Every structure is written in C-alpha cells, then in structure tokens.
Amino acid sequence: MNLSLLKEILKDQPKFRYQQVYKAVYQELIGDWQEATILPLVLREKLNAECPLSIEAEISSSKESKKALITLEDGLKVETVLISHKDKRNTVCADGLCFLCHWDLGFQKKSD
C-alpha cells in the first residue's frame, strides 16, 4: 500500500476516514478494500483501483487469529497478527511498541 497515494486519495474525505482505513487495514486485516464496508462503495472502488492492498500472504488464519505478511513501500515485509477474543476484543501490536524483526534477518526498522 502506497501511503503517500493513500493520503492523497483521502485528502478530500472527512478526517475520520483515515481512522476507518487504519482500523480496517491494521486491526481487521482486510485483504481487499471491498471488505472495508464502513467506507462508501465509491471510495472502496477508488482505493482498489488506485491504491491496492499488498498483503503478500495470509500466513495463517483461524477463528481466533489471523497472521498476514504485508510489504511496505520500501520493500521490507511486516508480519502482523490480529487475535480476536471471545469478549469481542481484538489484540494487535500497539503503535510505538512494535519493531520489525525476523529471526533470520535480524532487526530491520522500528515502526513509526
């Protein structure tokens, strides 16, 4: 996902759209903009056409969790996990506390 392009597409949208997009991508782990049903259909279609999601692989998925591999603009890959709890809570990596690390590659970069 090209973040610069995403910002450009969302610049004329209400400010809350960015939060909706962030939640859909990083918390709900959508694989396609059509899954972000909280967004208007016209916006979902525009995002699919101009700023497609690049979830390279869904590594594992179960009722309780999803693990996906996301490629960043600079080519680095991020594994992300969403854990759904029975009480309807979701657990994800918290901003500022995450780092990108793979045992074979070592530390690559700290998330912003």
PDB file of N, CA and C in Angstrom:
ATOM      1  N   MET A   1       0.851  -1.167   0.000  1.00  0.00           N
ATOM      2  CA  MET A   1       0.000   0.000   0.000  1.00  0.00           C
ATOM      3  C   MET A   1       0.897   1.230   0.000  1.00  0.00           C
ATOM      4  N   ASN A   2       0.677   2.098  -0.924  1.00  0.00           N
ATOM      5  CA  ASN A   2       1.434   3.331  -1.044  1.00  0.00           C
ATOM      6  C   ASN A   2       0.799   4.377  -0.134  1.00  0.00           C
ATOM      7  N   LEU A   3       1.465   4.686   0.987  1.00  0.00           N
ATOM      8  CA  LEU A   3       0.888   5.605   1.972  1.00  0.00           C
ATOM      9  C   LEU A   3       0.755   7.025   1.443  1.00  0.00           C
ATOM     10  N   SER A   4       1.684   7.470   0.607  1.00  0.00           N
ATOM     11  CA  SER A   4       1.589   8.815   0.030  1.00  0.00           C
ATOM     12  C   SER A   4       0.351   8.930  -0.852  1.00  0.00           C
ATOM     13  N   LEU A   5       0.126   7.913  -1.662  1.00  0.00           N
ATOM     14  CA  LEU A   5      -1.049   7.896  -2.529  1.00  0.00           C
ATOM     15  C   LEU A   5      -2.325   7.807  -1.703  1.00  0.00           C
ATOM     16  N   LEU A   6      -2.299   6.996  -0.646  1.00  0.00           N
ATOM     17  CA  LEU A   6      -3.464   6.874   0.232  1.00  0.00           C
ATOM     18  C   LEU A   6      -3.824   8.232   0.828  1.00  0.00           C
ATOM     19  N   LYS A   7      -2.833   8.967   1.310  1.00  0.00           N
ATOM     20  CA  LYS A   7      -3.079  10.307   1.877  1.00  0.00           C
ATOM     21  C   LYS A   7      -3.680  11.233   0.831  1.00  0.00           C
ATOM     22  N   GLU A   8      -3.180  11.143  -0.390  1.00  0.00           N
ATOM     23  CA  GLU A   8      -3.700  11.971  -1.480  1.00  0.00           C
ATOM     24  C   GLU A   8      -5.170  11.640  -1.763  1.00  0.00           C
ATOM     25  N   ILE A   9      -5.503  10.360  -1.788  1.00  0.00           N
ATOM     26  CA  ILE A   9      -6.881   9.938  -2.047  1.00  0.00           C
ATOM     27  C   ILE A   9      -7.809  10.396  -0.928  1.00  0.00           C
ATOM     28  N   LEU A  10      -7.321  10.357   0.309  1.00  0.00           N
ATOM     29  CA  LEU A  10      -8.165  10.690   1.462  1.00  0.00           C
ATOM     30  C   LEU A  10      -8.203  12.181   1.790  1.00  0.00           C
ATOM     31  N   LYS A  11      -7.412  13.009   1.109  1.00  0.00           N
ATOM     32  CA  LYS A  11      -7.310  14.424   1.492  1.00  0.00           C
ATOM     33  C   LYS A  11      -8.642  15.174   1.412  1.00  0.00           C
ATOM     34  N   ASP A  12      -9.525  14.785   0.517  1.00  0.00           N
ATOM     35  CA  ASP A  12     -10.820  15.461   0.391  1.00  0.00           C
ATOM     36  C   ASP A  12     -11.933  14.753   1.154  1.00  0.00           C
ATOM     37  N   GLN A  13     -11.583  13.700   1.867  1.00  0.00           N
ATOM     38  CA  GLN A  13     -12.552  12.941   2.660  1.00  0.00           C
ATOM     39  C   GLN A  13     -12.643  13.542   4.063  1.00  0.00           C
ATOM     40  N   PRO A  14     -13.726  13.258   4.784  1.00  0.00           N
ATOM     41  CA  PRO A  14     -13.788  13.687   6.185  1.00  0.00           C
ATOM     42  C   PRO A  14     -12.597  13.108   6.953  1.00  0.00           C
ATOM     43  N   LYS A  15     -12.113  13.837   7.953  1.00  0.00           N
ATOM     44  CA  LYS A  15     -10.910  13.435   8.693  1.00  0.00           C
ATOM     45  C   LYS A  15     -11.025  12.051   9.327  1.00  0.00           C
ATOM     46  N   PHE A  16     -12.239  11.639   9.705  1.00  0.00           N
ATOM     47  CA  PHE A  16     -12.399  10.338  10.362  1.00  0.00           C
ATOM     48  C   PHE A  16     -12.155   9.167   9.411  1.00  0.00           C
ATOM     49  N   ARG A  17     -12.121   9.404   8.108  1.00  0.00           N
ATOM     50  CA  ARG A  17     -11.899   8.317   7.147  1.00  0.00           C
ATOM     51  C   ARG A  17     -10.536   7.662   7.357  1.00  0.00           C
ATOM     52  N   TYR A  18      -9.515   8.478   7.686  1.00  0.00           N
ATOM     53  CA  TYR A  18      -8.185   7.916   7.886  1.00  0.00           C
ATOM     54  C   TYR A  18      -8.207   6.894   9.019  1.00  0.00           C
ATOM     55  N   GLN A  19      -8.910   7.200  10.103  1.00  0.00           N
ATOM     56  CA  GLN A  19      -9.013   6.253  11.221  1.00  0.00           C
ATOM     57  C   GLN A  19      -9.753   4.988  10.789  1.00  0.00           C
ATOM     58  N   GLN A  20     -10.780   5.134   9.978  1.00  0.00           N
ATOM     59  CA  GLN A  20     -11.513   3.969   9.489  1.00  0.00           C
ATOM     60  C   GLN A  20     -10.608   3.092   8.619  1.00  0.00           C
ATOM     61  N   VAL A  21      -9.824   3.725   7.767  1.00  0.00           N
ATOM     62  CA  VAL A  21      -8.899   2.996   6.901  1.00  0.00           C
ATOM     63  C   VAL A  21      -7.843   2.294   7.746  1.00  0.00           C
ATOM     64  N   TYR A  22      -7.276   3.003   8.712  1.00  0.00           N
ATOM     65  CA  TYR A  22      -6.253   2.424   9.591  1.00  0.00           C
ATOM     66  C   TYR A  22      -6.794   1.195  10.317  1.00  0.00           C
ATOM     67  N   LYS A  23      -7.989   1.320  10.872  1.00  0.00           N
ATOM     68  CA  LYS A  23      -8.595   0.203  11.603  1.00  0.00           C
ATOM     69  C   LYS A  23      -8.842  -0.984  10.668  1.00  0.00           C
ATOM     70  N   ALA A  24      -9.360  -0.708   9.487  1.00  0.00           N
ATOM     71  CA  ALA A  24      -9.655  -1.786   8.538  1.00  0.00           C
ATOM     72  C   ALA A  24      -8.388  -2.535   8.127  1.00  0.00           C
ATOM     73  N   VAL A  25      -7.318  -1.800   7.862  1.00  0.00           N
ATOM     74  CA  VAL A  25      -6.085  -2.422   7.376  1.00  0.00           C
ATOM     75  C   VAL A  25      -5.301  -3.089   8.492  1.00  0.00           C
ATOM     76  N   TYR A  26      -5.090  -2.372   9.596  1.00  0.00           N
ATOM     77  CA  TYR A  26      -4.163  -2.861  10.619  1.00  0.00           C
ATOM     78  C   TYR A  26      -4.819  -3.608  11.775  1.00  0.00           C
ATOM     79  N   GLN A  27      -6.107  -3.442  11.958  1.00  0.00           N
ATOM     80  CA  GLN A  27      -6.771  -4.164  13.042  1.00  0.00           C
ATOM     81  C   GLN A  27      -7.654  -5.287  12.510  1.00  0.00           C
ATOM     82  N   GLU A  28      -8.381  -5.012  11.441  1.00  0.00           N
ATOM     83  CA  GLU A  28      -9.254  -6.041  10.875  1.00  0.00           C
ATOM     84  C   GLU A  28      -8.532  -6.885   9.828  1.00  0.00           C
ATOM     85  N   LEU A  29      -7.353  -6.428   9.416  1.00  0.00           N
ATOM     86  CA  LEU A  29      -6.512  -7.134   8.440  1.00  0.00           C
ATOM     87  C   LEU A  29      -7.255  -7.476   7.148  1.00  0.00           C
ATOM     88  N   ILE A  30      -7.957  -6.486   6.604  1.00  0.00           N
ATOM     89  CA  ILE A  30      -8.654  -6.721   5.343  1.00  0.00           C
ATOM     90  C   ILE A  30      -7.637  -7.023   4.246  1.00  0.00           C
ATOM     91  N   GLY A  31      -8.022  -7.830   3.288  1.00  0.00           N
ATOM     92  CA  GLY A  31      -7.146  -8.164   2.172  1.00  0.00           C
ATOM     93  C   GLY A  31      -7.529  -7.445   0.897  1.00  0.00           C
ATOM     94  N   ASP A  32      -8.655  -6.766   0.935  1.00  0.00           N
ATOM     95  CA  ASP A  32      -9.195  -6.074  -0.233  1.00  0.00           C
ATOM     96  C   ASP A  32     -10.060  -4.934   0.296  1.00  0.00           C
ATOM     97  N   TRP A  33     -10.034  -3.798  -0.393  1.00  0.00           N
ATOM     98  CA  TRP A  33     -10.803  -2.644   0.084  1.00  0.00           C
ATOM     99  C   TRP A  33     -12.299  -2.918   0.141  1.00  0.00           C
ATOM    100  N   GLN A  34     -12.818  -3.844  -0.665  1.00  0.00           N
ATOM    101  CA  GLN A  34     -14.251  -4.148  -0.623  1.00  0.00           C
ATOM    102  C   GLN A  34     -14.673  -4.696   0.738  1.00  0.00           C
ATOM    103  N   GLU A  35     -13.725  -5.244   1.497  1.00  0.00           N
ATOM    104  CA  GLU A  35     -14.027  -5.757   2.832  1.00  0.00           C
ATOM    105  C   GLU A  35     -14.206  -4.636   3.854  1.00  0.00           C
ATOM    106  N   ALA A  36     -13.780  -3.434   3.530  1.00  0.00           N
ATOM    107  CA  ALA A  36     -13.903  -2.288   4.438  1.00  0.00           C
ATOM    108  C   ALA A  36     -15.279  -1.655   4.245  1.00  0.00           C
ATOM    109  N   THR A  37     -16.305  -2.379   4.636  1.00  0.00           N
ATOM    110  CA  THR A  37     -17.685  -1.960   4.353  1.00  0.00           C
ATOM    111  C   THR A  37     -18.102  -0.697   5.096  1.00  0.00           C
ATOM    112  N   ILE A  38     -17.312  -0.248   6.047  1.00  0.00           N
ATOM    113  CA  ILE A  38     -17.612   1.013   6.724  1.00  0.00           C
ATOM    114  C   ILE A  38     -17.346   2.208   5.790  1.00  0.00           C
ATOM    115  N   LEU A  39     -16.546   1.986   4.751  1.00  0.00           N
ATOM    116  CA  LEU A  39     -16.241   3.036   3.779  1.00  0.00           C
ATOM    117  C   LEU A  39     -17.288   3.042   2.672  1.00  0.00           C
ATOM    118  N   PRO A  40     -17.556   4.211   2.091  1.00  0.00           N
ATOM    119  CA  PRO A  40     -18.503   4.274   0.971  1.00  0.00           C
ATOM    120  C   PRO A  40     -18.012   3.430  -0.213  1.00  0.00           C
ATOM    121  N   LEU A  41     -18.934   2.841  -0.943  1.00  0.00           N
ATOM    122  CA  LEU A  41     -18.601   1.977  -2.072  1.00  0.00           C
ATOM    123  C   LEU A  41     -17.710   2.689  -3.090  1.00  0.00           C
ATOM    124  N   VAL A  42     -18.015   3.931  -3.400  1.00  0.00           N
ATOM    125  CA  VAL A  42     -17.229   4.682  -4.389  1.00  0.00           C
ATOM    126  C   VAL A  42     -15.777   4.815  -3.926  1.00  0.00           C
ATOM    127  N   LEU A  43     -15.569   5.071  -2.635  1.00  0.00           N
ATOM    128  CA  LEU A  43     -14.214   5.189  -2.098  1.00  0.00           C
ATOM    129  C   LEU A  43     -13.503   3.836  -2.126  1.00  0.00           C
ATOM    130  N   ARG A  44     -14.208   2.760  -1.781  1.00  0.00           N
ATOM    131  CA  ARG A  44     -13.604   1.423  -1.825  1.00  0.00           C
ATOM    132  C   ARG A  44     -13.148   1.079  -3.239  1.00  0.00           C
ATOM    133  N   GLU A  45     -13.976   1.402  -4.220  1.00  0.00           N
ATOM    134  CA  GLU A  45     -13.624   1.124  -5.611  1.00  0.00           C
ATOM    135  C   GLU A  45     -12.407   1.938  -6.041  1.00  0.00           C
ATOM    136  N   LYS A  46     -12.363   3.206  -5.623  1.00  0.00           N
ATOM    137  CA  LYS A  46     -11.223   4.061  -5.955  1.00  0.00           C
ATOM    138  C   LYS A  46      -9.948   3.529  -5.299  1.00  0.00           C
ATOM    139  N   LEU A  47     -10.041   3.123  -4.036  1.00  0.00           N
ATOM    140  CA  LEU A  47      -8.877   2.584  -3.331  1.00  0.00           C
ATOM    141  C   LEU A  47      -8.390   1.292  -3.986  1.00  0.00           C
ATOM    142  N   ASN A  48      -9.304   0.414  -4.376  1.00  0.00           N
ATOM    143  CA  ASN A  48      -8.907  -0.829  -5.056  1.00  0.00           C
ATOM    144  C   ASN A  48      -8.202  -0.539  -6.375  1.00  0.00           C
ATOM    145  N   ALA A  49      -8.685   0.465  -7.100  1.00  0.00           N
ATOM    146  CA  ALA A  49      -8.110   0.788  -8.404  1.00  0.00           C
ATOM    147  C   ALA A  49      -6.774   1.524  -8.288  1.00  0.00           C
ATOM    148  N   GLU A  50      -6.684   2.470  -7.348  1.00  0.00           N
ATOM    149  CA  GLU A  50      -5.522   3.353  -7.296  1.00  0.00           C
ATOM    150  C   GLU A  50      -4.526   3.042  -6.188  1.00  0.00           C
ATOM    151  N   CYS A  51      -4.956   2.345  -5.164  1.00  0.00           N
ATOM    152  CA  CYS A  51      -4.093   2.080  -4.010  1.00  0.00           C
ATOM    153  C   CYS A  51      -4.383   0.688  -3.456  1.00  0.00           C
ATOM    154  N   PRO A  52      -4.155  -0.347  -4.264  1.00  0.00           N
ATOM    155  CA  PRO A  52      -4.498  -1.699  -3.813  1.00  0.00           C
ATOM    156  C   PRO A  52      -3.675  -2.117  -2.599  1.00  0.00           C
ATOM    157  N   LEU A  53      -4.260  -2.964  -1.791  1.00  0.00           N
ATOM    158  CA  LEU A  53      -3.557  -3.508  -0.632  1.00  0.00           C
ATOM    159  C   LEU A  53      -2.564  -4.550  -1.108  1.00  0.00           C
ATOM    160  N   SER A  54      -1.451  -4.632  -0.435  1.00  0.00           N
ATOM    161  CA  SER A  54      -0.431  -5.596  -0.851  1.00  0.00           C
ATOM    162  C   SER A  54      -0.125  -6.573   0.277  1.00  0.00           C
ATOM    163  N   ILE A  55      -1.169  -7.259   0.729  1.00  0.00           N
ATOM    164  CA  ILE A  55      -0.943  -8.333   1.681  1.00  0.00           C
ATOM    165  C   ILE A  55      -0.420  -9.490   0.853  1.00  0.00           C
ATOM    166  N   GLU A  56       0.843  -9.774   1.047  1.00  0.00           N
ATOM    167  CA  GLU A  56       1.525 -10.751   0.208  1.00  0.00           C
ATOM    168  C   GLU A  56       1.029 -12.162   0.460  1.00  0.00           C
ATOM    169  N   ALA A  57       0.761 -12.464   1.712  1.00  0.00           N
ATOM    170  CA  ALA A  57       0.320 -13.817   2.036  1.00  0.00           C
ATOM    171  C   ALA A  57      -0.414 -13.794   3.357  1.00  0.00           C
ATOM    172  N   GLU A  58      -1.495 -14.548   3.421  1.00  0.00           N
ATOM    173  CA  GLU A  58      -2.123 -14.781   4.717  1.00  0.00           C
ATOM    174  C   GLU A  58      -1.477 -16.058   5.222  1.00  0.00           C
ATOM    175  N   ILE A  59      -0.606 -15.885   6.198  1.00  0.00           N
ATOM    176  CA  ILE A  59       0.218 -16.991   6.665  1.00  0.00           C
ATOM    177  C   ILE A  59      -0.619 -18.024   7.391  1.00  0.00           C
ATOM    178  N   SER A  60      -1.519 -17.557   8.221  1.00  0.00           N
ATOM    179  CA  SER A  60      -2.416 -18.483   8.906  1.00  0.00           C
ATOM    180  C   SER A  60      -3.682 -17.744   9.277  1.00  0.00           C
ATOM    181  N   SER A  61      -4.730 -18.483   9.400  1.00  0.00           N
ATOM    182  CA  SER A  61      -5.999 -17.883   9.761  1.00  0.00           C
ATOM    183  C   SER A  61      -6.829 -18.916  10.500  1.00  0.00           C
ATOM    184  N   SER A  62      -7.421 -18.479  11.563  1.00  0.00           N
ATOM    185  CA  SER A  62      -8.340 -19.328  12.307  1.00  0.00           C
ATOM    186  C   SER A  62      -9.454 -18.430  12.821  1.00  0.00           C
ATOM    187  N   LYS A  63     -10.379 -18.996  13.522  1.00  0.00           N
ATOM    188  CA  LYS A  63     -11.474 -18.220  14.084  1.00  0.00           C
ATOM    189  C   LYS A  63     -10.949 -17.176  15.075  1.00  0.00           C
ATOM    190  N   GLU A  64      -9.861 -17.520  15.773  1.00  0.00           N
ATOM    191  CA  GLU A  64      -9.334 -16.659  16.828  1.00  0.00           C
ATOM    192  C   GLU A  64      -8.237 -15.703  16.367  1.00  0.00           C
ATOM    193  N   SER A  65      -7.550 -16.013  15.277  1.00  0.00           N
ATOM    194  CA  SER A  65      -6.437 -15.148  14.885  1.00  0.00           C
ATOM    195  C   SER A  65      -6.189 -15.186  13.381  1.00  0.00           C
ATOM    196  N   LYS A  66      -5.555 -14.100  12.915  1.00  0.00           N
ATOM    197  CA  LYS A  66      -5.118 -14.002  11.526  1.00  0.00           C
ATOM    198  C   LYS A  66      -3.683 -13.508  11.552  1.00  0.00           C
ATOM    199  N   LYS A  67      -2.846 -14.091  10.733  1.00  0.00           N
ATOM    200  CA  LYS A  67      -1.466 -13.668  10.610  1.00  0.00           C
ATOM    201  C   LYS A  67      -1.225 -13.378   9.136  1.00  0.00           C
ATOM    202  N   ALA A  68      -0.726 -12.188   8.836  1.00  0.00           N
ATOM    203  CA  ALA A  68      -0.532 -11.795   7.446  1.00  0.00           C
ATOM    204  C   ALA A  68       0.851 -11.192   7.253  1.00  0.00           C
ATOM    205  N   LEU A  69       1.342 -11.241   6.021  1.00  0.00           N
ATOM    206  CA  LEU A  69       2.608 -10.640   5.645  1.00  0.00           C
ATOM    207  C   LEU A  69       2.298  -9.439   4.763  1.00  0.00           C
ATOM    208  N   ILE A  70       2.713  -8.257   5.209  1.00  0.00           N
ATOM    209  CA  ILE A  70       2.440  -7.013   4.489  1.00  0.00           C
ATOM    210  C   ILE A  70       3.764  -6.447   3.993  1.00  0.00           C
ATOM    211  N   THR A  71       3.804  -6.017   2.731  1.00  0.00           N
ATOM    212  CA  THR A  71       5.003  -5.411   2.170  1.00  0.00           C
ATOM    213  C   THR A  71       4.879  -3.892   2.255  1.00  0.00           C
ATOM    214  N   LEU A  72       5.876  -3.250   2.864  1.00  0.00           N
ATOM    215  CA  LEU A  72       5.897  -1.797   2.994  1.00  0.00           C
ATOM    216  C   LEU A  72       6.428  -1.170   1.709  1.00  0.00           C
ATOM    217  N   GLU A  73       6.273   0.166   1.592  1.00  0.00           N
ATOM    218  CA  GLU A  73       6.715   0.867   0.394  1.00  0.00           C
ATOM    219  C   GLU A  73       8.197   0.666   0.110  1.00  0.00           C
ATOM    220  N   ASP A  74       9.011   0.538   1.163  1.00  0.00           N
ATOM    221  CA  ASP A  74      10.454   0.388   0.974  1.00  0.00           C
ATOM    222  C   ASP A  74      10.876  -1.061   0.735  1.00  0.00           C
ATOM    223  N   GLY A  75       9.902  -1.965   0.604  1.00  0.00           N
ATOM    224  CA  GLY A  75      10.192  -3.356   0.307  1.00  0.00           C
ATOM    225  C   GLY A  75      10.327  -4.261   1.520  1.00  0.00           C
ATOM    226  N   LEU A  76      10.466  -3.672   2.706  1.00  0.00           N
ATOM    227  CA  LEU A  76      10.527  -4.503   3.904  1.00  0.00           C
ATOM    228  C   LEU A  76       9.173  -5.142   4.141  1.00  0.00           C
ATOM    229  N   LYS A  77       9.202  -6.305   4.740  1.00  0.00           N
ATOM    230  CA  LYS A  77       7.969  -7.048   4.993  1.00  0.00           C
ATOM    231  C   LYS A  77       7.665  -7.053   6.485  1.00  0.00           C
ATOM    232  N   VAL A  78       6.375  -6.964   6.813  1.00  0.00           N
ATOM    233  CA  VAL A  78       5.927  -6.938   8.199  1.00  0.00           C
ATOM    234  C   VAL A  78       4.957  -8.083   8.415  1.00  0.00           C
ATOM    235  N   GLU A  79       5.206  -8.872   9.435  1.00  0.00           N
ATOM    236  CA  GLU A  79       4.220  -9.861   9.859  1.00  0.00           C
ATOM    237  C   GLU A  79       3.317  -9.169  10.864  1.00  0.00           C
ATOM    238  N   THR A  80       2.036  -9.329  10.707  1.00  0.00           N
ATOM    239  CA  THR A  80       1.096  -8.729  11.637  1.00  0.00           C
ATOM    240  C   THR A  80       0.099  -9.791  12.075  1.00  0.00           C
ATOM    241  N   VAL A  81      -0.322  -9.688  13.315  1.00  0.00           N
ATOM    242  CA  VAL A  81      -1.245 -10.679  13.869  1.00  0.00           C
ATOM    243  C   VAL A  81      -2.412  -9.966  14.531  1.00  0.00           C
ATOM    244  N   LEU A  82      -3.591 -10.456  14.262  1.00  0.00           N
ATOM    245  CA  LEU A  82      -4.812  -9.992  14.919  1.00  0.00           C
ATOM    246  C   LEU A  82      -5.360 -11.167  15.709  1.00  0.00           C
ATOM    247  N   ILE A  83      -5.527 -10.962  17.009  1.00  0.00           N
ATOM    248  CA  ILE A  83      -6.088 -12.007  17.867  1.00  0.00           C
ATOM    249  C   ILE A  83      -7.448 -11.540  18.349  1.00  0.00           C
ATOM    250  N   SER A  84      -8.483 -12.298  18.038  1.00  0.00           N
ATOM    251  CA  SER A  84      -9.847 -11.971  18.458  1.00  0.00           C
ATOM    252  C   SER A  84     -10.179 -12.750  19.723  1.00  0.00           C
ATOM    253  N   HIS A  85     -10.689 -12.026  20.714  1.00  0.00           N
ATOM    254  CA  HIS A  85     -11.049 -12.646  21.986  1.00  0.00           C
ATOM    255  C   HIS A  85     -12.554 -12.909  22.037  1.00  0.00           C
ATOM    256  N   LYS A  86     -12.958 -13.836  22.885  1.00  0.00           N
ATOM    257  CA  LYS A  86     -14.375 -14.198  22.997  1.00  0.00           C
ATOM    258  C   LYS A  86     -15.243 -13.029  23.439  1.00  0.00           C
ATOM    259  N   ASP A  87     -14.665 -12.090  24.194  1.00  0.00           N
ATOM    260  CA  ASP A  87     -15.445 -10.945  24.673  1.00  0.00           C
ATOM    261  C   ASP A  87     -15.494  -9.804  23.651  1.00  0.00           C
ATOM    262  N   LYS A  88     -15.201 -10.124  22.380  1.00  0.00           N
ATOM    263  CA  LYS A  88     -15.285  -9.196  21.241  1.00  0.00           C
ATOM    264  C   LYS A  88     -14.116  -8.212  21.167  1.00  0.00           C
ATOM    265  N   ARG A  89     -13.114  -8.351  22.042  1.00  0.00           N
ATOM    266  CA  ARG A  89     -11.929  -7.503  21.955  1.00  0.00           C
ATOM    267  C   ARG A  89     -10.973  -8.087  20.918  1.00  0.00           C
ATOM    268  N   ASN A  90     -10.153  -7.225  20.351  1.00  0.00           N
ATOM    269  CA  ASN A  90      -9.093  -7.651  19.446  1.00  0.00           C
ATOM    270  C   ASN A  90      -7.760  -7.172  19.991  1.00  0.00           C
ATOM    271  N   THR A  91      -6.739  -7.970  19.828  1.00  0.00           N
ATOM    272  CA  THR A  91      -5.398  -7.590  20.244  1.00  0.00           C
ATOM    273  C   THR A  91      -4.536  -7.460  18.999  1.00  0.00           C
ATOM    274  N   VAL A  92      -3.841  -6.331  18.898  1.00  0.00           N
ATOM    275  CA  VAL A  92      -2.897  -6.097  17.803  1.00  0.00           C
ATOM    276  C   VAL A  92      -1.643  -5.467  18.393  1.00  0.00           C
ATOM    277  N   CYS A  93      -0.632  -5.340  17.580  1.00  0.00           N
ATOM    278  CA  CYS A  93       0.588  -4.687  18.019  1.00  0.00           C
ATOM    279  C   CYS A  93       0.292  -3.208  18.250  1.00  0.00           C
ATOM    280  N   ALA A  94       0.662  -2.675  19.407  1.00  0.00           N
ATOM    281  CA  ALA A  94       0.391  -1.270  19.737  1.00  0.00           C
ATOM    282  C   ALA A  94       1.409  -0.357  19.067  1.00  0.00           C
ATOM    283  N   ASP A  95       0.951   0.815  18.576  1.00  0.00           N
ATOM    284  CA  ASP A  95       1.843   1.795  17.954  1.00  0.00           C
ATOM    285  C   ASP A  95       2.961   2.169  18.904  1.00  0.00           C
ATOM    286  N   GLY A  96       4.149   2.308  18.348  1.00  0.00           N
ATOM    287  CA  GLY A  96       5.289   2.741  19.134  1.00  0.00           C
ATOM    288  C   GLY A  96       5.948   1.625  19.920  1.00  0.00           C
ATOM    289  N   LEU A  97       5.304   0.484  20.027  1.00  0.00           N
ATOM    290  CA  LEU A  97       5.867  -0.625  20.779  1.00  0.00           C
ATOM    291  C   LEU A  97       6.331  -1.745  19.866  1.00  0.00           C
ATOM    292  N   CYS A  98       6.050  -1.608  18.591  1.00  0.00           N
ATOM    293  CA  CYS A  98       6.367  -2.669  17.641  1.00  0.00           C
ATOM    294  C   CYS A  98       7.737  -2.432  17.026  1.00  0.00           C
ATOM    295  N   PHE A  99       8.341  -3.497  16.634  1.00  0.00           N
ATOM    296  CA  PHE A  99       9.531  -3.398  15.807  1.00  0.00           C
ATOM    297  C   PHE A  99       9.465  -4.528  14.805  1.00  0.00           C
ATOM    298  N   LEU A 100      10.149  -4.329  13.704  1.00  0.00           N
ATOM    299  CA  LEU A 100      10.119  -5.313  12.638  1.00  0.00           C
ATOM    300  C   LEU A 100      11.341  -6.200  12.792  1.00  0.00           C
ATOM    301  N   CYS A 101      11.117  -7.442  13.028  1.00  0.00           N
ATOM    302  CA  CYS A 101      12.236  -8.334  13.263  1.00  0.00           C
ATOM    303  C   CYS A 101      11.894  -9.718  12.737  1.00  0.00           C
ATOM    304  N   HIS A 102      12.844 -10.347  12.126  1.00  0.00           N
ATOM    305  CA  HIS A 102      12.694 -11.726  11.686  1.00  0.00           C
ATOM    306  C   HIS A 102      13.956 -12.428  12.145  1.00  0.00           C
ATOM    307  N   TRP A 103      13.831 -13.597  12.710  1.00  0.00           N
ATOM    308  CA  TRP A 103      14.988 -14.270  13.299  1.00  0.00           C
ATOM    309  C   TRP A 103      16.128 -14.412  12.305  1.00  0.00           C
ATOM    310  N   ASP A 104      15.838 -14.658  11.034  1.00  0.00           N
ATOM    311  CA  ASP A 104      16.902 -14.843  10.045  1.00  0.00           C
ATOM    312  C   ASP A 104      17.498 -13.518   9.579  1.00  0.00           C
ATOM    313  N   LEU A 105      16.703 -12.452   9.609  1.00  0.00           N
ATOM    314  CA  LEU A 105      17.142 -11.164   9.086  1.00  0.00           C
ATOM    315  C   LEU A 105      17.636 -10.223  10.165  1.00  0.00           C
ATOM    316  N   GLY A 106      17.214 -10.425  11.393  1.00  0.00           N
ATOM    317  CA  GLY A 106      17.564  -9.505  12.464  1.00  0.00           C
ATOM    318  C   GLY A 106      16.692  -8.265  12.421  1.00  0.00           C
ATOM    319  N   PHE A 107      17.017  -7.310  13.256  1.00  0.00           N
ATOM    320  CA  PHE A 107      16.244  -6.075  13.356  1.00  0.00           C
ATOM    321  C   PHE A 107      16.352  -5.298  12.055  1.00  0.00           C
ATOM    322  N   GLN A 108      15.229  -4.866  11.508  1.00  0.00           N
ATOM    323  CA  GLN A 108      15.227  -4.112  10.261  1.00  0.00           C
ATOM    324  C   GLN A 108      14.895  -2.643  10.465  1.00  0.00           C
ATOM    325  N   LYS A 109      13.818  -2.352  11.194  1.00  0.00           N
ATOM    326  CA  LYS A 109      13.466  -0.961  11.458  1.00  0.00           C
ATOM    327  C   LYS A 109      12.399  -0.903  12.523  1.00  0.00           C
ATOM    328  N   LYS A 110      12.376   0.209  13.249  1.00  0.00           N
ATOM    329  CA  LYS A 110      11.355   0.430  14.265  1.00  0.00           C
ATOM    330  C   LYS A 110      10.149   1.032  13.578  1.00  0.00           C
ATOM    331  N   SER A 111       8.960   0.618  13.988  1.00  0.00           N
ATOM    332  CA  SER A 111       7.759   1.199  13.385  1.00  0.00           C
ATOM    333  C   SER A 111       7.580   2.618  13.881  1.00  0.00           C
ATOM    334  N   ASP A 112       6.894   3.435  13.084  1.00  0.00           N
ATOM    335  CA  ASP A 112       6.643   4.834  13.460  1.00  0.00           C
ATOM    336  C   ASP A 112       5.423   4.950  14.327  1.00  0.00           C
TER     337      ASP A 112
END
